Amino acid sequence: MDSSFENLLQEWPLSVIRDVDITMVMIDSAPRRYAAVNRALKKGVLVRLRRGVYLIGKPFRKISPSNFRIAHSIYGPSYISFESALYYHQWIPEAVYTTTCATSKRAREFDTTLGLFQYVHVPDNLYYLGVQRVGSEDEAFFIADPWKALADHYYAYNRNWNRPEDLHLDMRIEIENMLESDLTMLQVLSEQYQSSKVRKFLSNILRGLVDGNKSN
């Protein structure tokens, strides 16, 4: 393997590297960069996740790969949402083996050596409303608030949810978790999410939580 390319991989701080990163760092010609990448792939020093996106192999990897961090590199703009976000926030009990993401682009799926990455289209208006940045500088990722994850889920799949009890029965989300959550975010999303059907759904859930809490 080219020594300059080997040095690049050894010094690279992330678990993933892209063609655009290699182009910015290496001053070699495009054919030489292409040849260096191909040699690295054959030796297992790089593992292709999708065209132009590679996982750095164990001999050179400084940190363990995180599917949540890698998801944005595979297809972006995107953030962790749907079941992956709900499980991360401990709102649903079942483990999620597909990394589920929201994107403002068209829906895609990528079956990789790290597992399946699923990207579902959501509205691009106020795209990052209800999305937070988590993690250290090098391995940070963006993930939806539980209410944003549910809003995205309802938008994409049009579930028959009208009351908090529906979320409990269908998704096994505890009412207590909903009551202890950021209800201000729920209200903001119920007023500002781009889809009117989602706004109505969120308003119904908020009303059910408030009314149910008053009666207890």
N, C-alpha and C. Protein backbone atom coordinates (compact mmCIF):
# COMPACT_ATOMS: atom_id res chain seq x y z
N MET A 1 0.84 -1.19 0.00
CA MET A 1 0.00 0.00 0.00
C MET A 1 0.88 1.24 0.00
N ASP A 2 0.44 2.29 -0.70
CA ASP A 2 1.17 3.55 -0.72
C ASP A 2 1.37 4.07 0.70
N SER A 3 2.64 4.44 1.02
CA SER A 3 2.95 4.83 2.40
C SER A 3 2.21 6.09 2.83
N SER A 4 2.03 7.04 1.90
CA SER A 4 1.31 8.27 2.26
C SER A 4 -0.15 7.98 2.58
N PHE A 5 -0.75 7.03 1.84
CA PHE A 5 -2.14 6.67 2.10
C PHE A 5 -2.24 5.90 3.41
N GLU A 6 -1.26 5.03 3.66
CA GLU A 6 -1.24 4.30 4.93
C GLU A 6 -1.12 5.27 6.11
N ASN A 7 -0.28 6.27 5.97
CA ASN A 7 -0.14 7.28 7.03
C ASN A 7 -1.44 8.04 7.25
N LEU A 8 -2.13 8.34 6.14
CA LEU A 8 -3.41 9.03 6.25
C LEU A 8 -4.39 8.22 7.08
N LEU A 9 -4.50 6.93 6.80
CA LEU A 9 -5.45 6.07 7.52
C LEU A 9 -5.05 5.91 8.99
N GLN A 10 -3.76 5.83 9.25
CA GLN A 10 -3.30 5.69 10.63
C GLN A 10 -3.59 6.93 11.46
N GLU A 11 -3.57 8.09 10.81
CA GLU A 11 -3.76 9.34 11.54
C GLU A 11 -5.21 9.83 11.51
N TRP A 12 -6.05 9.20 10.70
CA TRP A 12 -7.43 9.67 10.56
C TRP A 12 -8.18 9.49 11.88
N PRO A 13 -8.83 10.54 12.42
CA PRO A 13 -9.41 10.46 13.77
C PRO A 13 -10.77 9.76 13.83
N LEU A 14 -11.42 9.57 12.69
CA LEU A 14 -12.76 9.00 12.68
C LEU A 14 -12.73 7.54 12.26
N SER A 15 -13.85 6.86 12.42
CA SER A 15 -13.94 5.45 12.00
C SER A 15 -14.35 5.32 10.55
N VAL A 16 -14.77 6.41 9.93
CA VAL A 16 -15.21 6.42 8.54
C VAL A 16 -14.43 7.48 7.77
N ILE A 17 -14.11 7.17 6.53
CA ILE A 17 -13.47 8.15 5.65
C ILE A 17 -14.17 8.10 4.29
N ARG A 18 -14.30 9.25 3.65
CA ARG A 18 -15.02 9.36 2.38
C ARG A 18 -14.05 9.73 1.27
N ASP A 19 -14.47 9.49 0.03
CA ASP A 19 -13.65 9.88 -1.11
C ASP A 19 -13.32 11.37 -1.06
N VAL A 20 -14.31 12.18 -0.65
CA VAL A 20 -14.07 13.62 -0.61
C VAL A 20 -13.01 13.97 0.42
N ASP A 21 -12.95 13.22 1.52
CA ASP A 21 -11.90 13.44 2.53
C ASP A 21 -10.53 13.10 1.95
N ILE A 22 -10.46 11.97 1.27
CA ILE A 22 -9.20 11.52 0.68
C ILE A 22 -8.71 12.53 -0.36
N THR A 23 -9.63 13.05 -1.15
CA THR A 23 -9.27 14.03 -2.18
C THR A 23 -8.72 15.30 -1.55
N MET A 24 -9.31 15.73 -0.43
CA MET A 24 -8.87 16.96 0.22
C MET A 24 -7.49 16.82 0.86
N VAL A 25 -7.17 15.62 1.34
CA VAL A 25 -5.93 15.41 2.10
C VAL A 25 -4.77 14.97 1.20
N MET A 26 -5.05 14.12 0.23
CA MET A 26 -3.99 13.62 -0.66
C MET A 26 -3.87 14.50 -1.89
N ILE A 27 -2.65 14.86 -2.23
CA ILE A 27 -2.44 15.73 -3.39
C ILE A 27 -2.12 14.92 -4.64
N ASP A 28 -2.17 13.60 -4.55
CA ASP A 28 -1.91 12.74 -5.71
C ASP A 28 -3.00 12.91 -6.75
N SER A 29 -2.74 12.39 -7.93
CA SER A 29 -3.72 12.43 -9.01
C SER A 29 -4.89 11.51 -8.69
N ALA A 30 -6.01 11.73 -9.36
CA ALA A 30 -7.20 10.91 -9.14
C ALA A 30 -6.93 9.42 -9.39
N PRO A 31 -6.23 9.04 -10.48
CA PRO A 31 -5.95 7.62 -10.68
C PRO A 31 -5.14 6.99 -9.55
N ARG A 32 -4.19 7.74 -8.99
CA ARG A 32 -3.37 7.20 -7.90
C ARG A 32 -4.21 7.05 -6.63
N ARG A 33 -5.09 8.01 -6.37
CA ARG A 33 -5.98 7.88 -5.20
C ARG A 33 -6.90 6.68 -5.37
N TYR A 34 -7.43 6.51 -6.57
CA TYR A 34 -8.33 5.39 -6.86
C TYR A 34 -7.60 4.06 -6.66
N ALA A 35 -6.37 3.98 -7.13
CA ALA A 35 -5.58 2.75 -6.99
C ALA A 35 -5.28 2.47 -5.52
N ALA A 36 -4.96 3.52 -4.76
CA ALA A 36 -4.66 3.34 -3.33
C ALA A 36 -5.87 2.83 -2.58
N VAL A 37 -7.04 3.37 -2.89
CA VAL A 37 -8.28 2.92 -2.24
C VAL A 37 -8.56 1.46 -2.59
N ASN A 38 -8.40 1.09 -3.85
CA ASN A 38 -8.66 -0.29 -4.27
C ASN A 38 -7.72 -1.28 -3.58
N ARG A 39 -6.45 -0.90 -3.45
CA ARG A 39 -5.51 -1.78 -2.75
C ARG A 39 -5.91 -1.93 -1.28
N ALA A 40 -6.33 -0.83 -0.67
CA ALA A 40 -6.75 -0.88 0.73
C ALA A 40 -8.00 -1.75 0.90
N LEU A 41 -8.91 -1.69 -0.06
CA LEU A 41 -10.11 -2.53 0.00
C LEU A 41 -9.75 -4.01 -0.10
N LYS A 42 -8.84 -4.34 -0.99
CA LYS A 42 -8.44 -5.74 -1.18
C LYS A 42 -7.76 -6.29 0.07
N LYS A 43 -7.02 -5.44 0.78
CA LYS A 43 -6.31 -5.88 1.98
C LYS A 43 -7.18 -5.83 3.23
N GLY A 44 -8.38 -5.28 3.12
CA GLY A 44 -9.25 -5.17 4.28
C GLY A 44 -8.93 -4.00 5.18
N VAL A 45 -8.04 -3.13 4.71
CA VAL A 45 -7.72 -1.93 5.48
C VAL A 45 -8.87 -0.94 5.41
N LEU A 46 -9.61 -0.97 4.31
CA LEU A 46 -10.86 -0.23 4.16
C LEU A 46 -11.97 -1.22 3.86
N VAL A 47 -13.18 -0.91 4.33
CA VAL A 47 -14.37 -1.70 4.03
C VAL A 47 -15.40 -0.75 3.45
N ARG A 48 -15.89 -1.04 2.25
CA ARG A 48 -16.85 -0.14 1.60
C ARG A 48 -18.22 -0.27 2.26
N LEU A 49 -18.76 0.86 2.71
CA LEU A 49 -20.12 0.92 3.25
C LEU A 49 -21.12 1.26 2.16
N ARG A 50 -20.73 2.14 1.29
CA ARG A 50 -21.46 2.48 0.07
C ARG A 50 -20.46 3.16 -0.84
N ARG A 51 -20.87 3.48 -2.04
CA ARG A 51 -19.93 4.11 -2.97
C ARG A 51 -19.40 5.42 -2.37
N GLY A 52 -18.07 5.50 -2.25
CA GLY A 52 -17.43 6.72 -1.76
C GLY A 52 -17.36 6.86 -0.26
N VAL A 53 -17.83 5.84 0.49
CA VAL A 53 -17.81 5.89 1.97
C VAL A 53 -17.23 4.58 2.48
N TYR A 54 -16.21 4.68 3.33
CA TYR A 54 -15.48 3.49 3.77
C TYR A 54 -15.31 3.46 5.29
N LEU A 55 -15.41 2.27 5.84
CA LEU A 55 -15.06 2.04 7.23
C LEU A 55 -13.58 1.71 7.30
N ILE A 56 -12.85 2.37 8.17
CA ILE A 56 -11.43 2.08 8.32
C ILE A 56 -11.27 0.75 9.06
N GLY A 57 -10.43 -0.12 8.52
CA GLY A 57 -10.24 -1.46 9.08
C GLY A 57 -9.57 -1.44 10.44
N LYS A 58 -9.68 -2.57 11.14
CA LYS A 58 -9.18 -2.67 12.51
C LYS A 58 -7.70 -2.32 12.68
N PRO A 59 -6.82 -2.66 11.71
CA PRO A 59 -5.41 -2.33 11.94
C PRO A 59 -5.14 -0.84 12.14
N PHE A 60 -6.00 0.02 11.55
CA PHE A 60 -5.75 1.45 11.60
C PHE A 60 -6.82 2.23 12.36
N ARG A 61 -7.87 1.55 12.76
CA ARG A 61 -8.99 2.24 13.38
C ARG A 61 -8.66 2.67 14.80
N LYS A 62 -8.90 3.94 15.10
CA LYS A 62 -8.60 4.47 16.44
C LYS A 62 -9.76 4.27 17.41
N ILE A 63 -10.98 4.28 16.90
CA ILE A 63 -12.16 4.17 17.74
C ILE A 63 -13.12 3.15 17.15
N SER A 64 -13.93 2.54 18.00
CA SER A 64 -14.92 1.58 17.53
C SER A 64 -16.00 2.30 16.74
N PRO A 65 -16.47 1.69 15.66
CA PRO A 65 -17.50 2.36 14.85
C PRO A 65 -18.83 2.45 15.58
N SER A 66 -19.49 3.58 15.45
CA SER A 66 -20.83 3.80 16.00
C SER A 66 -21.80 3.95 14.84
N ASN A 67 -22.79 3.07 14.79
CA ASN A 67 -23.77 3.16 13.69
C ASN A 67 -24.47 4.51 13.67
N PHE A 68 -24.74 5.07 14.85
CA PHE A 68 -25.42 6.36 14.89
C PHE A 68 -24.54 7.45 14.27
N ARG A 69 -23.25 7.44 14.57
CA ARG A 69 -22.35 8.43 14.00
C ARG A 69 -22.14 8.19 12.51
N ILE A 70 -22.03 6.96 12.11
CA ILE A 70 -21.74 6.62 10.72
C ILE A 70 -22.93 6.89 9.81
N ALA A 71 -24.14 6.82 10.36
CA ALA A 71 -25.35 6.96 9.54
C ALA A 71 -25.35 8.22 8.69
N HIS A 72 -24.92 9.34 9.27
CA HIS A 72 -24.92 10.61 8.53
C HIS A 72 -23.91 10.58 7.40
N SER A 73 -22.79 9.89 7.60
CA SER A 73 -21.76 9.80 6.55
C SER A 73 -22.23 8.94 5.39
N ILE A 74 -23.03 7.93 5.68
CA ILE A 74 -23.52 7.06 4.61
C ILE A 74 -24.53 7.79 3.73
N TYR A 75 -25.41 8.57 4.34
CA TYR A 75 -26.45 9.27 3.56
C TYR A 75 -26.92 10.47 4.37
N GLY A 76 -26.78 11.63 3.80
CA GLY A 76 -27.16 12.84 4.52
C GLY A 76 -27.70 13.91 3.59
N PRO A 77 -28.33 14.93 4.16
CA PRO A 77 -28.49 15.13 5.60
C PRO A 77 -29.46 14.11 6.21
N SER A 78 -29.14 13.69 7.40
CA SER A 78 -30.01 12.73 8.09
C SER A 78 -29.76 12.83 9.59
N TYR A 79 -30.72 12.32 10.35
CA TYR A 79 -30.56 12.20 11.80
C TYR A 79 -31.25 10.92 12.26
N ILE A 80 -30.84 10.41 13.39
CA ILE A 80 -31.43 9.19 13.94
C ILE A 80 -32.85 9.50 14.40
N SER A 81 -33.80 8.67 13.99
CA SER A 81 -35.20 8.91 14.34
C SER A 81 -35.94 7.58 14.40
N PHE A 82 -37.27 7.66 14.40
CA PHE A 82 -38.13 6.47 14.40
C PHE A 82 -37.76 5.54 15.57
N GLU A 83 -37.77 4.22 15.34
CA GLU A 83 -37.56 3.27 16.44
C GLU A 83 -36.17 3.39 17.06
N SER A 84 -35.16 3.69 16.26
CA SER A 84 -33.81 3.81 16.83
C SER A 84 -33.74 4.90 17.88
N ALA A 85 -34.36 6.04 17.59
CA ALA A 85 -34.37 7.14 18.55
C ALA A 85 -35.21 6.80 19.77
N LEU A 86 -36.35 6.17 19.56
CA LEU A 86 -37.22 5.82 20.68
C LEU A 86 -36.54 4.81 21.61
N TYR A 87 -35.82 3.86 21.04
CA TYR A 87 -35.10 2.89 21.87
C TYR A 87 -33.93 3.57 22.60
N TYR A 88 -33.25 4.47 21.92
CA TYR A 88 -32.14 5.20 22.55
C TYR A 88 -32.63 5.98 23.77
N HIS A 89 -33.81 6.59 23.65
CA HIS A 89 -34.38 7.37 24.76
C HIS A 89 -35.12 6.49 25.78
N GLN A 90 -35.08 5.17 25.57
CA GLN A 90 -35.71 4.20 26.47
C GLN A 90 -37.23 4.36 26.52
N TRP A 91 -37.80 4.68 25.38
CA TRP A 91 -39.25 4.79 25.30
C TRP A 91 -39.89 3.49 24.83
N ILE A 92 -39.16 2.66 24.11
CA ILE A 92 -39.69 1.36 23.68
C ILE A 92 -38.74 0.28 24.19
N PRO A 93 -39.28 -0.88 24.57
CA PRO A 93 -38.44 -1.91 25.20
C PRO A 93 -37.68 -2.79 24.23
N GLU A 94 -38.18 -2.95 23.00
CA GLU A 94 -37.56 -3.88 22.07
C GLU A 94 -36.32 -3.28 21.42
N ALA A 95 -35.24 -4.06 21.39
CA ALA A 95 -34.03 -3.61 20.71
C ALA A 95 -34.30 -3.44 19.22
N VAL A 96 -33.63 -2.49 18.61
CA VAL A 96 -33.81 -2.18 17.19
C VAL A 96 -32.51 -2.52 16.47
N TYR A 97 -32.59 -3.40 15.48
CA TYR A 97 -31.38 -3.88 14.81
C TYR A 97 -31.13 -3.19 13.47
N THR A 98 -32.10 -2.42 13.01
CA THR A 98 -31.90 -1.55 11.85
C THR A 98 -31.68 -0.13 12.35
N THR A 99 -30.70 0.56 11.81
CA THR A 99 -30.47 1.96 12.18
C THR A 99 -31.43 2.81 11.36
N THR A 100 -32.45 3.36 12.02
CA THR A 100 -33.52 4.08 11.33
C THR A 100 -33.27 5.58 11.40
N CYS A 101 -33.33 6.23 10.25
CA CYS A 101 -32.99 7.64 10.15
C CYS A 101 -34.05 8.40 9.36
N ALA A 102 -34.13 9.69 9.63
CA ALA A 102 -34.96 10.60 8.85
C ALA A 102 -34.06 11.40 7.93
N THR A 103 -34.54 11.68 6.74
CA THR A 103 -33.77 12.48 5.79
C THR A 103 -34.72 13.37 5.00
N SER A 104 -34.21 14.52 4.58
CA SER A 104 -35.00 15.41 3.74
C SER A 104 -34.91 14.99 2.27
N LYS A 105 -34.04 14.03 1.97
CA LYS A 105 -33.88 13.53 0.61
C LYS A 105 -34.81 12.33 0.40
N ARG A 106 -34.68 11.68 -0.74
CA ARG A 106 -35.55 10.53 -1.00
C ARG A 106 -35.13 9.34 -0.14
N ALA A 107 -36.07 8.45 0.11
CA ALA A 107 -35.83 7.30 0.97
C ALA A 107 -34.80 6.36 0.34
N ARG A 108 -33.94 5.79 1.19
CA ARG A 108 -32.93 4.84 0.72
C ARG A 108 -32.67 3.80 1.81
N GLU A 109 -32.11 2.68 1.41
CA GLU A 109 -31.63 1.66 2.35
C GLU A 109 -30.24 1.21 1.92
N PHE A 110 -29.38 0.95 2.90
CA PHE A 110 -28.03 0.47 2.63
C PHE A 110 -27.75 -0.72 3.55
N ASP A 111 -27.50 -1.87 2.94
CA ASP A 111 -27.16 -3.07 3.69
C ASP A 111 -25.64 -3.17 3.75
N THR A 112 -25.06 -2.95 4.92
CA THR A 112 -23.61 -2.85 5.06
C THR A 112 -23.08 -3.92 6.00
N THR A 113 -21.77 -3.97 6.11
CA THR A 113 -21.13 -4.90 7.03
C THR A 113 -21.48 -4.60 8.49
N LEU A 114 -21.94 -3.37 8.76
CA LEU A 114 -22.35 -2.98 10.11
C LEU A 114 -23.84 -3.17 10.35
N GLY A 115 -24.57 -3.61 9.33
CA GLY A 115 -26.01 -3.77 9.47
C GLY A 115 -26.77 -2.93 8.47
N LEU A 116 -28.09 -2.96 8.60
CA LEU A 116 -28.97 -2.24 7.68
C LEU A 116 -29.20 -0.81 8.16
N PHE A 117 -29.04 0.14 7.25
CA PHE A 117 -29.32 1.55 7.52
C PHE A 117 -30.52 1.95 6.66
N GLN A 118 -31.57 2.44 7.31
CA GLN A 118 -32.80 2.81 6.61
C GLN A 118 -33.03 4.31 6.76
N TYR A 119 -33.29 4.96 5.63
CA TYR A 119 -33.51 6.41 5.60
C TYR A 119 -34.89 6.67 5.03
N VAL A 120 -35.72 7.36 5.81
CA VAL A 120 -37.11 7.62 5.43
C VAL A 120 -37.29 9.13 5.25
N HIS A 121 -37.96 9.51 4.19
CA HIS A 121 -38.15 10.94 3.89
C HIS A 121 -39.11 11.58 4.89
N VAL A 122 -38.72 12.78 5.35
CA VAL A 122 -39.57 13.63 6.20
C VAL A 122 -39.53 15.04 5.64
N PRO A 123 -40.45 15.92 6.04
CA PRO A 123 -40.46 17.29 5.50
C PRO A 123 -39.17 18.03 5.84
N ASP A 124 -38.75 18.90 4.92
CA ASP A 124 -37.50 19.64 5.15
C ASP A 124 -37.73 20.98 5.85
N ASN A 125 -38.98 21.39 6.04
CA ASN A 125 -39.25 22.62 6.77
C ASN A 125 -38.99 22.42 8.26
N LEU A 126 -38.20 23.31 8.87
CA LEU A 126 -37.82 23.17 10.29
C LEU A 126 -37.26 21.78 10.56
N TYR A 127 -36.39 21.35 9.66
CA TYR A 127 -35.87 19.97 9.65
C TYR A 127 -35.24 19.57 10.98
N TYR A 128 -34.46 20.46 11.58
CA TYR A 128 -33.74 20.12 12.80
C TYR A 128 -34.49 20.53 14.08
N LEU A 129 -35.74 20.95 13.95
CA LEU A 129 -36.54 21.22 15.15
C LEU A 129 -36.76 19.91 15.90
N GLY A 130 -36.42 19.89 17.19
CA GLY A 130 -36.58 18.67 17.97
C GLY A 130 -35.48 17.66 17.76
N VAL A 131 -34.35 18.11 17.22
CA VAL A 131 -33.19 17.23 16.99
C VAL A 131 -32.02 17.75 17.81
N GLN A 132 -31.34 16.87 18.50
CA GLN A 132 -30.22 17.29 19.36
C GLN A 132 -28.93 16.62 18.93
N ARG A 133 -27.84 17.30 19.22
CA ARG A 133 -26.50 16.76 18.94
C ARG A 133 -25.98 16.06 20.18
N VAL A 134 -25.51 14.83 20.01
CA VAL A 134 -25.08 14.00 21.13
C VAL A 134 -23.68 13.46 20.84
N GLY A 135 -22.85 13.37 21.87
CA GLY A 135 -21.55 12.73 21.73
C GLY A 135 -20.39 13.69 21.67
N SER A 136 -19.20 13.11 21.61
CA SER A 136 -17.97 13.89 21.57
C SER A 136 -17.77 14.51 20.20
N GLU A 137 -16.80 15.38 20.10
CA GLU A 137 -16.57 16.13 18.86
C GLU A 137 -16.36 15.20 17.67
N ASP A 138 -15.50 14.21 17.83
CA ASP A 138 -15.16 13.34 16.70
C ASP A 138 -16.28 12.37 16.34
N GLU A 139 -17.03 11.91 17.33
CA GLU A 139 -18.04 10.89 17.08
C GLU A 139 -19.45 11.36 17.44
N ALA A 140 -19.73 12.63 17.27
CA ALA A 140 -21.06 13.17 17.57
C ALA A 140 -22.07 12.72 16.51
N PHE A 141 -23.34 12.71 16.90
CA PHE A 141 -24.41 12.40 15.95
C PHE A 141 -25.64 13.21 16.32
N PHE A 142 -26.57 13.30 15.39
CA PHE A 142 -27.82 14.01 15.61
C PHE A 142 -28.95 13.00 15.79
N ILE A 143 -29.79 13.24 16.81
CA ILE A 143 -30.87 12.30 17.10
C ILE A 143 -32.13 13.06 17.48
N ALA A 144 -33.27 12.52 17.06
CA ALA A 144 -34.55 13.16 17.32
C ALA A 144 -34.95 13.02 18.79
N ASP A 145 -35.57 14.07 19.33
CA ASP A 145 -36.30 13.99 20.59
C ASP A 145 -37.39 12.92 20.42
N PRO A 146 -37.80 12.25 21.50
CA PRO A 146 -38.83 11.22 21.35
C PRO A 146 -40.09 11.70 20.62
N TRP A 147 -40.51 12.93 20.90
CA TRP A 147 -41.71 13.43 20.23
C TRP A 147 -41.46 13.68 18.75
N LYS A 148 -40.26 14.13 18.41
CA LYS A 148 -39.94 14.32 16.99
C LYS A 148 -39.89 12.96 16.28
N ALA A 149 -39.35 11.95 16.98
CA ALA A 149 -39.30 10.61 16.40
C ALA A 149 -40.71 10.07 16.14
N LEU A 150 -41.63 10.32 17.07
CA LEU A 150 -43.01 9.88 16.88
C LEU A 150 -43.70 10.68 15.78
N ALA A 151 -43.40 11.98 15.71
CA ALA A 151 -43.97 12.81 14.64
C ALA A 151 -43.51 12.31 13.28
N ASP A 152 -42.22 12.01 13.15
CA ASP A 152 -41.69 11.48 11.90
C ASP A 152 -42.34 10.14 11.56
N HIS A 153 -42.52 9.30 12.58
CA HIS A 153 -43.12 7.97 12.39
C HIS A 153 -44.55 8.11 11.88
N TYR A 154 -45.30 9.01 12.48
CA TYR A 154 -46.69 9.21 12.06
C TYR A 154 -46.74 9.76 10.64
N TYR A 155 -45.85 10.69 10.34
CA TYR A 155 -45.81 11.27 8.99
C TYR A 155 -45.52 10.19 7.94
N ALA A 156 -44.57 9.32 8.23
CA ALA A 156 -44.13 8.33 7.24
C ALA A 156 -45.11 7.17 7.11
N TYR A 157 -45.72 6.75 8.21
CA TYR A 157 -46.49 5.50 8.20
C TYR A 157 -47.97 5.68 8.52
N ASN A 158 -48.40 6.91 8.87
CA ASN A 158 -49.82 7.23 9.06
C ASN A 158 -50.51 6.23 9.99
N ARG A 159 -49.96 6.08 11.18
CA ARG A 159 -50.50 5.13 12.14
C ARG A 159 -51.83 5.62 12.71
N ASN A 160 -52.60 4.69 13.24
CA ASN A 160 -53.90 5.01 13.82
C ASN A 160 -53.72 5.35 15.30
N TRP A 161 -53.09 6.49 15.54
CA TRP A 161 -52.83 6.95 16.91
C TRP A 161 -53.62 8.23 17.16
N ASN A 162 -54.46 8.21 18.16
CA ASN A 162 -55.24 9.40 18.52
C ASN A 162 -55.13 9.76 20.00
N ARG A 163 -54.74 8.79 20.82
CA ARG A 163 -54.67 9.01 22.27
C ARG A 163 -53.34 8.48 22.79
N PRO A 164 -52.91 8.94 23.95
CA PRO A 164 -51.70 8.36 24.55
C PRO A 164 -51.80 6.85 24.71
N GLU A 165 -53.00 6.36 24.99
CA GLU A 165 -53.19 4.92 25.17
C GLU A 165 -52.88 4.15 23.88
N ASP A 166 -53.11 4.77 22.73
CA ASP A 166 -52.79 4.12 21.46
C ASP A 166 -51.28 3.90 21.33
N LEU A 167 -50.51 4.87 21.76
CA LEU A 167 -49.05 4.73 21.73
C LEU A 167 -48.59 3.63 22.69
N HIS A 168 -49.27 3.53 23.81
CA HIS A 168 -48.92 2.49 24.78
C HIS A 168 -49.24 1.10 24.22
N LEU A 169 -50.40 0.95 23.59
CA LEU A 169 -50.81 -0.35 23.08
C LEU A 169 -50.01 -0.76 21.85
N ASP A 170 -49.73 0.18 20.97
CA ASP A 170 -49.08 -0.15 19.70
C ASP A 170 -47.56 -0.18 19.82
N MET A 171 -46.99 0.77 20.56
CA MET A 171 -45.53 0.90 20.64
C MET A 171 -44.97 0.52 22.01
N ARG A 172 -45.85 0.23 22.96
CA ARG A 172 -45.46 -0.13 24.33
C ARG A 172 -44.71 1.02 25.01
N ILE A 173 -45.13 2.24 24.70
CA ILE A 173 -44.57 3.42 25.36
C ILE A 173 -45.36 3.67 26.63
N GLU A 174 -44.69 3.78 27.74
CA GLU A 174 -45.36 3.98 29.01
C GLU A 174 -45.92 5.40 29.11
N ILE A 175 -47.13 5.52 29.62
CA ILE A 175 -47.75 6.83 29.82
C ILE A 175 -46.87 7.70 30.72
N GLU A 176 -46.26 7.08 31.71
CA GLU A 176 -45.39 7.81 32.63
C GLU A 176 -44.23 8.48 31.89
N ASN A 177 -43.65 7.77 30.93
CA ASN A 177 -42.57 8.36 30.14
C ASN A 177 -43.05 9.59 29.38
N MET A 178 -44.25 9.51 28.85
CA MET A 178 -44.80 10.66 28.11
C MET A 178 -45.02 11.84 29.04
N LEU A 179 -45.59 11.57 30.22
CA LEU A 179 -45.88 12.65 31.16
C LEU A 179 -44.61 13.31 31.68
N GLU A 180 -43.54 12.54 31.80
CA GLU A 180 -42.28 13.07 32.33
C GLU A 180 -41.38 13.65 31.24
N SER A 181 -41.86 13.65 30.01
CA SER A 181 -41.05 14.12 28.88
C SER A 181 -41.14 15.64 28.73
N ASP A 182 -40.50 16.13 27.69
CA ASP A 182 -40.52 17.57 27.38
C ASP A 182 -41.82 17.90 26.65
N LEU A 183 -42.86 18.22 27.41
CA LEU A 183 -44.16 18.52 26.81
C LEU A 183 -44.14 19.84 26.06
N THR A 184 -43.19 20.71 26.39
CA THR A 184 -43.04 21.95 25.62
C THR A 184 -42.65 21.63 24.19
N MET A 185 -41.74 20.67 24.02
CA MET A 185 -41.36 20.25 22.66
C MET A 185 -42.55 19.64 21.94
N LEU A 186 -43.35 18.85 22.64
CA LEU A 186 -44.55 18.28 22.04
C LEU A 186 -45.47 19.39 21.55
N GLN A 187 -45.66 20.42 22.35
CA GLN A 187 -46.52 21.53 21.95
C GLN A 187 -45.95 22.27 20.74
N VAL A 188 -44.65 22.54 20.77
CA VAL A 188 -44.02 23.25 19.65
C VAL A 188 -44.17 22.46 18.36
N LEU A 189 -43.93 21.16 18.42
CA LEU A 189 -44.08 20.32 17.23
C LEU A 189 -45.53 20.27 16.77
N SER A 190 -46.47 20.27 17.72
CA SER A 190 -47.89 20.24 17.36
C SER A 190 -48.33 21.51 16.65
N GLU A 191 -47.55 22.57 16.81
CA GLU A 191 -47.86 23.85 16.16
C GLU A 191 -47.04 24.08 14.90
N GLN A 192 -45.86 23.46 14.79
CA GLN A 192 -44.93 23.84 13.73
C GLN A 192 -44.53 22.72 12.78
N TYR A 193 -44.81 21.46 13.09
CA TYR A 193 -44.46 20.39 12.15
C TYR A 193 -45.17 20.65 10.83
N GLN A 194 -44.48 20.41 9.73
CA GLN A 194 -44.97 20.85 8.42
C GLN A 194 -46.30 20.20 8.02
N SER A 195 -46.52 18.96 8.42
CA SER A 195 -47.71 18.23 8.02
C SER A 195 -48.89 18.52 8.95
N SER A 196 -50.03 18.86 8.38
CA SER A 196 -51.22 19.16 9.20
C SER A 196 -51.73 17.91 9.91
N LYS A 197 -51.62 16.75 9.25
CA LYS A 197 -52.09 15.51 9.90
C LYS A 197 -51.23 15.19 11.12
N VAL A 198 -49.93 15.48 11.04
CA VAL A 198 -49.05 15.25 12.18
C VAL A 198 -49.34 16.25 13.29
N ARG A 199 -49.59 17.49 12.93
CA ARG A 199 -49.93 18.50 13.95
C ARG A 199 -51.19 18.09 14.70
N LYS A 200 -52.18 17.59 13.98
CA LYS A 200 -53.42 17.15 14.63
C LYS A 200 -53.15 15.97 15.56
N PHE A 201 -52.37 15.01 15.10
CA PHE A 201 -52.01 13.85 15.93
C PHE A 201 -51.32 14.29 17.22
N LEU A 202 -50.34 15.17 17.10
CA LEU A 202 -49.60 15.62 18.28
C LEU A 202 -50.49 16.43 19.23
N SER A 203 -51.37 17.24 18.66
CA SER A 203 -52.31 18.01 19.50
C SER A 203 -53.22 17.08 20.28
N ASN A 204 -53.69 16.02 19.63
CA ASN A 204 -54.54 15.05 20.32
C ASN A 204 -53.80 14.36 21.47
N ILE A 205 -52.54 14.01 21.22
CA ILE A 205 -51.75 13.36 22.27
C ILE A 205 -51.52 14.31 23.43
N LEU A 206 -51.17 15.55 23.13
CA LEU A 206 -50.94 16.54 24.18
C LEU A 206 -52.20 16.76 25.00
N ARG A 207 -53.33 16.89 24.33
CA ARG A 207 -54.60 17.09 25.03
C ARG A 207 -54.92 15.89 25.93
N GLY A 208 -54.68 14.69 25.41
CA GLY A 208 -54.94 13.49 26.20
C GLY A 208 -54.06 13.40 27.43
N LEU A 209 -52.80 13.80 27.30
CA LEU A 209 -51.90 13.77 28.45
C LEU A 209 -52.31 14.79 29.50
N VAL A 210 -52.63 16.00 29.05
CA VAL A 210 -53.01 17.06 29.98
C VAL A 210 -54.32 16.72 30.68
N ASP A 211 -55.32 16.28 29.90
CA ASP A 211 -56.62 15.95 30.49
C ASP A 211 -56.51 14.75 31.43
N GLY A 212 -55.73 13.75 31.02
CA GLY A 212 -55.58 12.57 31.86
C GLY A 212 -54.86 12.87 33.16
N ASN A 213 -53.90 13.78 33.09
CA ASN A 213 -53.16 14.16 34.29
C ASN A 213 -54.03 14.95 35.26
N LYS A 214 -54.95 15.75 34.71
CA LYS A 214 -55.85 16.52 35.56
C LYS A 214 -56.82 15.62 36.31
N SER A 215 -57.25 14.54 35.66
CA SER A 215 -58.25 13.67 36.27
C SER A 215 -57.67 12.74 37.32
N ASN A 216 -56.32 12.62 37.35
CA ASN A 216 -55.67 11.71 38.32
C ASN A 216 -55.39 12.41 39.65
